Amino acid sequence: MLPVLLAITPFPADLLERLASNYEVIAWKEVADGPAFLASRGKEVRALITNGMVGVPAGMADHLTGLGLVACNGVGYDAIDIAWARSKGIAVSNTPDVLSTDVADLALALLLGVFRQLPAADRFVRDGAWLKGAFPLARQLAGSKIGIVGLGRIGRMIAQRCAAFDTVVGYNGRTRQPGVPYDYFSTPMALAEWADALIVVTPGGPDTRHLISAQVLDALGANGVLVNVARGSVVDEAALVERLQSKRLAGAGLDVFANEPGVPEALLLLPHVVLTPHIASATVQTRRAMAALVLDNLVAFAEGKALPTAVD
């Protein structure tokens, strides 16, 4: 009998088919009676496909007594309890690097979208308002001070793109990074006080919950712009909404939210906010590369080999 692979989040069907020689592949969405399946076959599941937002649901984990690998289809794995996995001898893999370019690109798109008011300008043309007069002046990006919260793989790519737009880049992280040509700030607060815009790209999870607090937003100030391509949990969303409504913040570009897919009604009404539906890595090329890396980890696990991208 082949070990069972349970895919609890969407995954390309053709790649699942390629795993048929290594696993009995079961897609959770096709399971008619989930509780009955877990009760009768949960112990047979050796590998699981999930993502960094779904993780391993607690009610499911209790039944997966034979689980050996959690293959996360994404670079972030904040919804996966790593301590629990280690205590059970369960390996965890993710998909670093392959999505960095697209996330960095979207961060710059959101930044430019807010500075140049692109969604509002698009509506201005479509609604016929241009026939009645000129669009209001926007804001120049060149010369701005851009603070990056989290200078990992993606953060470095964002910094390179920002520098190409003739901005000044600073960053905050756990430690100062050697060989980096950007100013280091020891806290998000200090970075916000300096910056014209903050781009948040730090990992999610309890350690970074509300890292961008009300106080950090106040330090960013009435002319400040916030861009978040990390996780909704990293920003105090209620404080952000209040400051955008009261014009104590100039604008925001948001790809992630606290309770996805729910977005606060107030954000939908604000013209100086650019909203996207968590699509930073959502290109055909990147999603394919991510899925291929998940497949590589699953095959390696089935063959008893080292995982290509194991989470330490």
Protein backbone atom coordinates (compact mmCIF):
# COMPACT_ATOMS: atom_id res chain seq x y z
CA MET A 1 0.00 0.00 0.00
CA LEU A 2 1.17 3.50 -0.84
CA PRO A 3 1.31 6.14 1.90
CA VAL A 4 -1.49 8.69 1.79
CA LEU A 5 -0.86 12.26 0.68
CA LEU A 6 -3.65 14.63 1.71
CA ALA A 7 -3.85 17.98 -0.12
CA ILE A 8 -5.93 20.28 2.07
CA THR A 9 -5.28 23.41 0.00
CA PRO A 10 -5.57 23.82 -3.80
CA PHE A 11 -2.77 22.24 -5.84
CA PRO A 12 -2.34 21.68 -9.61
CA ALA A 13 -4.05 18.45 -10.61
CA ASP A 14 -1.35 17.50 -13.11
CA LEU A 15 1.33 17.71 -10.43
CA LEU A 16 -0.74 15.63 -8.04
CA GLU A 17 -0.97 13.01 -10.80
CA ARG A 18 2.84 12.92 -10.97
CA LEU A 19 2.88 11.85 -7.33
CA ALA A 20 0.73 8.79 -7.97
CA SER A 21 3.73 6.44 -7.98
CA ASN A 22 4.79 7.66 -4.53
CA TYR A 23 1.47 8.24 -2.77
CA GLU A 24 -2.21 7.57 -2.73
CA VAL A 25 -3.20 11.15 -3.44
CA ILE A 26 -6.38 12.50 -1.85
CA ALA A 27 -7.65 16.05 -2.32
CA TRP A 28 -9.49 17.26 0.78
CA LYS A 29 -12.05 19.15 -1.31
CA GLU A 30 -13.15 15.84 -2.83
CA VAL A 31 -13.66 14.10 0.51
CA ALA A 32 -17.42 13.79 1.00
CA ASP A 33 -17.36 13.30 4.77
CA GLY A 34 -14.29 14.89 6.34
CA PRO A 35 -14.80 13.74 9.95
CA ALA A 36 -15.49 10.18 8.84
CA PHE A 37 -12.39 10.16 6.65
CA LEU A 38 -10.19 11.44 9.45
CA ALA A 39 -11.60 8.91 11.89
CA SER A 40 -11.09 5.96 9.55
CA ARG A 41 -8.02 6.93 7.54
CA GLY A 42 -6.35 9.86 9.27
CA LYS A 43 -3.65 7.60 10.71
CA GLU A 44 -2.66 6.57 7.16
CA VAL A 45 -1.77 10.12 6.09
CA ARG A 46 2.02 10.43 5.81
CA ALA A 47 2.27 13.76 4.00
CA LEU A 48 0.15 16.89 3.87
CA ILE A 49 0.00 19.78 1.40
CA THR A 50 -1.09 23.06 2.99
CA ASN A 51 -0.15 26.74 2.97
CA GLY A 52 1.08 29.28 5.48
CA MET A 53 -2.38 30.59 6.31
CA VAL A 54 -4.25 27.29 6.73
CA GLY A 55 -1.46 25.30 8.37
CA VAL A 56 -2.58 22.05 10.01
CA PRO A 57 -6.01 22.62 11.56
CA ALA A 58 -6.11 21.47 15.17
CA GLY A 59 -9.13 19.24 14.70
CA MET A 60 -7.37 17.51 11.82
CA ALA A 61 -3.96 17.23 13.44
CA ASP A 62 -5.29 15.06 16.25
CA HIS A 63 -6.16 12.34 13.71
CA LEU A 64 -2.93 12.48 11.69
CA THR A 65 -0.93 10.23 13.98
CA GLY A 66 1.23 8.89 11.14
CA LEU A 67 2.07 12.26 9.63
CA GLY A 68 5.70 12.69 8.61
CA LEU A 69 5.79 15.76 6.36
CA VAL A 70 3.91 19.03 6.16
CA ALA A 71 4.66 20.51 2.73
CA CYS A 72 3.80 24.21 2.80
CA ASN A 73 2.99 25.74 -0.56
CA GLY A 74 4.40 29.18 0.27
CA VAL A 75 7.42 30.80 1.85
CA GLY A 76 5.51 31.85 5.00
CA TYR A 77 4.57 29.09 7.42
CA ASP A 78 3.24 31.09 10.38
CA ALA A 79 0.05 29.00 10.67
CA ILE A 80 2.10 25.83 11.10
CA ASP A 81 3.04 25.04 14.69
CA ILE A 82 6.72 24.25 14.20
CA ALA A 83 7.23 23.33 17.85
CA TRP A 84 4.36 20.82 17.60
CA ALA A 85 5.79 19.38 14.39
CA ARG A 86 9.24 18.95 15.92
CA SER A 87 7.80 17.31 19.03
CA LYS A 88 6.08 14.76 16.80
CA GLY A 89 9.07 14.21 14.51
CA ILE A 90 7.24 15.79 11.58
CA ALA A 91 9.31 17.53 8.91
CA VAL A 92 8.14 20.83 7.44
CA SER A 93 9.08 22.26 4.05
CA ASN A 94 8.28 25.55 2.35
CA THR A 95 8.95 27.30 -0.98
CA PRO A 96 11.52 30.07 -0.48
CA ASP A 97 13.16 32.17 -3.21
CA VAL A 98 10.85 31.28 -6.11
CA LEU A 99 8.24 33.91 -5.18
CA SER A 100 10.58 36.70 -4.09
CA THR A 101 10.63 38.54 -7.43
CA ASP A 102 6.86 38.73 -7.75
CA VAL A 103 6.33 39.89 -4.16
CA ALA A 104 8.95 42.60 -4.60
CA ASP A 105 7.33 43.70 -7.85
CA LEU A 106 3.90 44.00 -6.25
CA ALA A 107 5.31 45.96 -3.31
CA LEU A 108 6.65 48.53 -5.77
CA ALA A 109 3.39 48.53 -7.70
CA LEU A 110 1.45 49.27 -4.52
CA LEU A 111 3.91 51.99 -3.53
CA LEU A 112 3.64 53.66 -6.94
CA GLY A 113 -0.12 53.14 -6.95
CA VAL A 114 -0.48 55.10 -3.73
CA PHE A 115 2.03 57.84 -4.56
CA ARG A 116 0.64 58.43 -8.07
CA GLN A 117 -3.00 57.70 -7.11
CA LEU A 118 -3.33 55.19 -9.95
CA PRO A 119 -6.66 53.56 -9.00
CA ALA A 120 -8.25 56.99 -8.49
CA ALA A 121 -6.80 58.19 -11.79
CA ASP A 122 -8.18 55.13 -13.57
CA ARG A 123 -11.66 55.81 -12.16
CA PHE A 124 -11.30 59.49 -13.09
CA VAL A 125 -10.91 58.53 -16.76
CA ARG A 126 -13.56 55.79 -16.75
CA ASP A 127 -16.16 57.98 -15.02
CA GLY A 128 -15.73 60.79 -17.53
CA ALA A 129 -14.44 63.22 -14.93
CA TRP A 130 -11.47 64.12 -17.13
CA LEU A 131 -13.91 65.84 -19.51
CA LYS A 132 -14.73 68.28 -16.72
CA GLY A 133 -11.23 69.14 -15.58
CA ALA A 134 -7.74 67.96 -14.71
CA PHE A 135 -6.89 65.20 -12.23
CA PRO A 136 -5.41 66.49 -8.93
CA LEU A 137 -1.64 66.54 -8.62
CA ALA A 138 -0.09 63.39 -7.14
CA ARG A 139 3.15 62.81 -5.28
CA GLN A 140 6.66 62.16 -6.60
CA LEU A 141 8.33 58.94 -5.51
CA ALA A 142 11.92 59.90 -6.39
CA GLY A 143 13.77 61.38 -3.43
CA SER A 144 11.49 59.74 -0.88
CA LYS A 145 12.81 57.86 2.13
CA ILE A 146 11.59 54.27 2.00
CA GLY A 147 11.78 52.12 5.14
CA ILE A 148 11.69 48.35 4.72
CA VAL A 149 10.61 46.27 7.72
CA GLY A 150 12.32 42.92 7.21
CA LEU A 151 15.35 42.80 4.94
CA GLY A 152 15.31 39.13 4.01
CA ARG A 153 15.34 37.76 0.46
CA ILE A 154 12.24 39.68 -0.56
CA GLY A 155 13.18 42.79 1.39
CA ARG A 156 16.51 43.03 -0.43
CA MET A 157 14.77 42.80 -3.79
CA ILE A 158 12.36 45.54 -2.74
CA ALA A 159 15.29 47.68 -1.64
CA GLN A 160 17.00 47.23 -5.01
CA ARG A 161 13.84 48.27 -6.83
CA CYS A 162 13.32 51.27 -4.58
CA ALA A 163 16.91 52.39 -5.09
CA ALA A 164 16.37 52.19 -8.85
CA PHE A 165 13.61 54.78 -8.45
CA ASP A 166 16.10 57.19 -6.87
CA THR A 167 14.77 56.81 -3.37
CA VAL A 168 16.75 56.59 -0.13
CA VAL A 169 16.38 53.20 1.57
CA GLY A 170 16.55 52.32 5.25
CA TYR A 171 15.62 49.09 6.99
CA ASN A 172 14.73 47.47 10.28
CA GLY A 173 15.33 43.86 11.24
CA ARG A 174 16.42 41.75 14.15
CA THR A 175 20.06 42.55 13.47
CA ARG A 176 22.15 44.83 11.29
CA GLN A 177 23.13 43.02 8.10
CA PRO A 178 26.77 43.15 6.97
CA GLY A 179 27.54 44.45 3.51
CA VAL A 180 24.18 46.20 3.09
CA PRO A 181 24.38 49.76 1.70
CA TYR A 182 21.24 50.95 3.53
CA ASP A 183 20.86 52.70 6.86
CA TYR A 184 19.86 50.41 9.72
CA PHE A 185 17.25 51.35 12.33
CA SER A 186 17.04 49.26 15.48
CA THR A 187 13.24 49.48 15.87
CA PRO A 188 10.23 49.90 13.57
CA MET A 189 9.45 53.08 15.50
CA ALA A 190 12.82 54.64 14.66
CA LEU A 191 12.44 53.60 11.03
CA ALA A 192 8.92 55.07 10.85
CA GLU A 193 10.08 58.38 12.32
CA TRP A 194 12.66 58.63 9.51
CA ALA A 195 10.68 57.25 6.57
CA ASP A 196 8.18 58.73 4.15
CA ALA A 197 6.86 55.24 3.47
CA LEU A 198 7.11 51.88 5.22
CA ILE A 199 7.06 48.61 3.27
CA VAL A 200 6.30 45.65 5.53
CA VAL A 201 7.71 42.30 4.42
CA THR A 202 8.52 40.60 7.73
CA PRO A 203 7.24 37.06 8.46
CA GLY A 204 3.91 36.68 10.21
CA GLY A 205 3.12 34.75 13.37
CA PRO A 206 2.86 35.62 17.07
CA ASP A 207 6.35 37.15 17.24
CA THR A 208 5.41 39.90 14.77
CA ARG A 209 1.74 40.41 15.62
CA HIS A 210 0.98 44.17 15.52
CA LEU A 211 4.66 44.93 15.05
CA ILE A 212 3.36 47.93 13.12
CA SER A 213 1.43 49.33 16.05
CA ALA A 214 -0.64 52.47 16.50
CA GLN A 215 2.47 54.17 17.83
CA VAL A 216 4.53 53.19 14.77
CA LEU A 217 1.79 54.52 12.49
CA ASP A 218 1.77 57.78 14.45
CA ALA A 219 5.53 58.01 14.00
CA LEU A 220 5.09 57.54 10.25
CA GLY A 221 2.78 60.54 10.37
CA ALA A 222 0.21 62.36 8.29
CA ASN A 223 2.40 62.37 5.17
CA GLY A 224 3.38 58.74 5.56
CA VAL A 225 2.43 55.76 3.39
CA LEU A 226 2.22 52.13 4.52
CA VAL A 227 2.62 49.16 2.15
CA ASN A 228 1.99 45.66 3.51
CA VAL A 229 2.91 42.55 1.52
CA ALA A 230 3.68 40.46 4.62
CA ARG A 231 0.71 39.25 6.70
CA GLY A 232 -2.33 41.15 7.91
CA SER A 233 -1.46 40.24 11.48
CA VAL A 234 1.75 42.29 11.38
CA VAL A 235 -0.21 45.57 11.25
CA ASP A 236 -2.72 46.79 13.83
CA GLU A 237 -5.50 46.98 11.25
CA ALA A 238 -7.97 48.88 13.45
CA ALA A 239 -5.36 51.54 14.18
CA LEU A 240 -4.47 51.73 10.50
CA VAL A 241 -8.09 52.24 9.47
CA GLU A 242 -8.62 54.95 12.07
CA ARG A 243 -5.53 56.87 10.99
CA LEU A 244 -6.42 56.65 7.31
CA GLN A 245 -9.95 57.85 8.02
CA SER A 246 -8.73 60.79 10.10
CA LYS A 247 -5.97 61.65 7.57
CA ARG A 248 -3.27 60.99 10.14
CA LEU A 249 -1.74 58.79 7.44
CA ALA A 250 -1.48 59.78 3.78
CA GLY A 251 -2.25 56.42 2.22
CA ALA A 252 -1.74 52.67 2.17
CA GLY A 253 -1.16 49.87 -0.29
CA LEU A 254 -2.42 46.58 1.15
CA ASP A 255 -2.20 43.07 -0.25
CA VAL A 256 -2.94 41.33 3.06
CA PHE A 257 -5.54 41.78 5.77
CA ALA A 258 -6.26 40.60 9.29
CA ASN A 259 -9.30 38.46 8.46
CA GLU A 260 -8.98 37.44 4.83
CA PRO A 261 -10.93 37.45 2.63
CA GLY A 262 -12.81 39.94 4.77
CA VAL A 263 -11.70 43.55 4.35
CA PRO A 264 -12.92 46.32 6.66
CA GLU A 265 -15.73 48.27 5.01
CA ALA A 266 -13.98 51.52 5.85
CA LEU A 267 -10.98 50.60 3.70
CA LEU A 268 -13.23 50.06 0.70
CA LEU A 269 -14.43 53.65 0.93
CA LEU A 270 -11.04 55.35 1.13
CA PRO A 271 -9.74 56.70 -2.21
CA HIS A 272 -6.14 56.99 -0.99
CA VAL A 273 -5.86 53.25 -0.29
CA VAL A 274 -4.87 50.66 -2.92
CA LEU A 275 -6.22 47.17 -2.21
CA THR A 276 -5.26 43.85 -3.79
CA PRO A 277 -6.57 40.36 -2.84
CA HIS A 278 -3.38 38.73 -1.49
CA ILE A 279 -1.86 38.30 -4.94
CA ALA A 280 1.81 39.11 -4.33
CA SER A 281 2.96 35.70 -5.57
CA ALA A 282 0.00 35.17 -7.90
CA THR A 283 1.57 34.86 -11.32
CA VAL A 284 1.38 31.75 -13.46
CA GLN A 285 5.14 31.34 -13.44
CA THR A 286 5.64 31.73 -9.70
CA ARG A 287 2.72 29.58 -8.61
CA ARG A 288 3.96 26.86 -10.95
CA ALA A 289 7.47 27.11 -9.52
CA MET A 290 6.11 26.99 -5.96
CA ALA A 291 4.05 23.90 -6.72
CA ALA A 292 7.03 22.22 -8.39
CA LEU A 293 9.12 22.82 -5.26
CA VAL A 294 6.36 21.30 -3.09
CA LEU A 295 6.41 18.29 -5.40
CA ASP A 296 10.21 17.97 -5.10
CA ASN A 297 9.94 17.91 -1.31
CA LEU A 298 7.19 15.31 -1.39
CA VAL A 299 9.14 13.03 -3.74
CA ALA A 300 12.30 13.40 -1.65
CA PHE A 301 10.37 12.48 1.50
CA ALA A 302 8.81 9.43 -0.15
CA GLU A 303 12.25 8.26 -1.33
CA GLY A 304 13.89 8.85 2.04
CA LYS A 305 16.11 11.66 0.78
CA ALA A 306 16.91 15.06 2.29
CA LEU A 307 14.23 17.68 1.70
CA PRO A 308 15.30 20.37 -0.79
CA THR A 309 13.79 23.18 1.28
CA ALA A 310 13.25 21.95 4.82
CA VAL A 311 12.25 24.49 7.46
CA ASP A 312 14.99 24.49 10.10
